[in-house]
Amino acid sequence: MPESLEYTGRTTDRKSAIASVERALLRHGDWGPYGDFSRPLNELSGEYKITIEERPDSFSVTCISAVSNSGFEVSFSVLKKDLSIDLHSVVIGVDCPPPEIGE
């Protein structure tokens, strides 16, 4: 995996955690007009800086556009018990440049 993927975990090894998140995204990662994240993480990591943090019952995932002030910022949780995406955890935002403030 490229350097644009960070993993912080305690009990799950990096390779297993990445495989779990990728599997969840491939099954449930197409969010229509908000972005299609149903691709392998090595493809997504070319466009996004991806952070995976292990929690007791889930993996918390954040994807931030690699180009600042453009693209989507996405965060969500992958439940460990069934590798589904917790739909109540999904947050999608647009990374826009700050407005120009007149004098």
Protein backbone atom coordinates (compact mmCIF):
# COMPACT_ATOMS: atom_id res chain seq x y z
CA MET A 1 0.00 0.00 0.00
CA PRO A 2 1.26 3.49 -0.75
CA GLU A 3 2.23 5.94 1.98
CA SER A 4 -1.15 7.69 1.64
CA LEU A 5 -2.70 4.98 3.84
CA GLU A 6 -2.20 5.12 7.61
CA TYR A 7 -3.28 2.46 10.06
CA THR A 8 -3.49 2.72 13.82
CA GLY A 9 -4.47 -0.52 15.48
CA ARG A 10 -4.04 -2.52 18.63
CA THR A 11 -5.39 -6.03 18.15
CA THR A 12 -5.81 -6.43 14.38
CA ASP A 13 -2.75 -6.54 12.16
CA ARG A 14 -2.47 -3.93 9.39
CA LYS A 15 -2.97 -6.36 6.51
CA SER A 16 -6.18 -7.84 7.98
CA ALA A 17 -7.59 -4.42 8.84
CA ILE A 18 -6.96 -3.08 5.34
CA ALA A 19 -8.52 -6.21 3.81
CA SER A 20 -11.60 -5.81 6.03
CA VAL A 21 -12.11 -2.16 5.08
CA GLU A 22 -11.55 -2.90 1.40
CA ARG A 23 -14.07 -5.74 1.45
CA ALA A 24 -16.69 -3.48 3.04
CA LEU A 25 -16.05 -0.75 0.48
CA LEU A 26 -16.25 -3.13 -2.47
CA ARG A 27 -19.65 -4.33 -1.24
CA HIS A 28 -21.15 -1.10 0.11
CA GLY A 29 -19.04 1.84 -1.06
CA ASP A 30 -21.06 3.26 -3.95
CA TRP A 31 -22.76 6.37 -2.58
CA GLY A 32 -24.18 7.58 -5.89
CA PRO A 33 -23.73 11.30 -6.46
CA TYR A 34 -21.54 11.55 -3.36
CA GLY A 35 -18.88 9.30 -4.81
CA ASP A 36 -18.12 5.72 -5.68
CA PHE A 37 -15.69 4.33 -3.16
CA SER A 38 -16.33 0.71 -4.16
CA ARG A 39 -12.79 0.25 -5.45
CA PRO A 40 -9.64 -1.35 -4.07
CA LEU A 41 -7.86 0.80 -1.48
CA ASN A 42 -4.70 0.96 -3.59
CA GLU A 43 -6.75 2.77 -6.28
CA LEU A 44 -8.41 5.09 -3.77
CA SER A 45 -5.11 5.90 -2.11
CA GLY A 46 -3.99 7.60 -5.33
CA GLU A 47 -6.81 10.12 -4.89
CA TYR A 48 -7.24 10.21 -1.11
CA LYS A 49 -5.18 10.16 2.04
CA ILE A 50 -6.78 7.26 3.90
CA THR A 51 -6.62 6.78 7.65
CA ILE A 52 -7.89 3.61 9.34
CA GLU A 53 -8.15 3.58 13.11
CA GLU A 54 -9.07 0.43 14.99
CA ARG A 55 -11.76 0.74 17.64
CA PRO A 56 -13.12 -2.06 19.85
CA ASP A 57 -16.01 -3.02 17.52
CA SER A 58 -15.14 -1.23 14.29
CA PHE A 59 -12.59 0.43 12.06
CA SER A 60 -12.98 4.19 11.73
CA VAL A 61 -12.04 5.29 8.21
CA THR A 62 -11.33 8.79 6.91
CA CYS A 63 -10.63 9.60 3.26
CA ILE A 64 -9.44 13.13 2.48
CA SER A 65 -8.77 14.33 -1.06
CA ALA A 66 -5.04 14.28 -1.84
CA VAL A 67 -5.38 17.63 -3.62
CA SER A 68 -6.30 20.27 -1.09
CA ASN A 69 -9.44 22.33 -1.66
CA SER A 70 -10.94 19.86 -4.13
CA GLY A 71 -12.87 16.63 -4.00
CA PHE A 72 -14.71 14.85 -1.23
CA GLU A 73 -13.88 14.19 2.39
CA VAL A 74 -15.49 11.00 3.65
CA SER A 75 -15.56 9.28 7.01
CA PHE A 76 -17.36 6.12 8.08
CA SER A 77 -17.08 3.06 10.32
CA VAL A 78 -16.75 -0.57 9.24
CA LEU A 79 -18.29 -2.92 11.80
CA LYS A 80 -15.97 -5.81 12.66
CA LYS A 81 -18.78 -8.30 13.31
CA ASP A 82 -20.02 -8.45 9.70
CA LEU A 83 -17.79 -6.01 7.75
CA SER A 84 -20.73 -3.77 6.94
CA ILE A 85 -20.56 0.00 6.84
CA ASP A 86 -22.45 1.61 9.70
CA LEU A 87 -24.75 3.87 7.68
CA HIS A 88 -25.27 6.15 10.68
CA SER A 89 -21.54 6.86 10.73
CA VAL A 90 -21.16 8.02 7.11
CA VAL A 91 -20.23 11.69 6.74
CA ILE A 92 -19.53 13.11 3.28
CA GLY A 93 -18.38 16.66 2.67
CA VAL A 94 -16.96 18.65 -0.20
CA ASP A 95 -13.51 20.13 0.27
CA CYS A 96 -13.95 23.61 -1.24
CA PRO A 97 -11.46 26.44 -1.40
CA PRO A 98 -12.15 29.21 1.10
CA PRO A 99 -14.16 32.10 -0.30
CA GLU A 100 -12.33 35.22 -1.33
CA ILE A 101 -13.09 38.01 1.11
CA GLY A 102 -13.31 41.47 -0.41
CA GLU A 103 -11.62 44.50 1.01
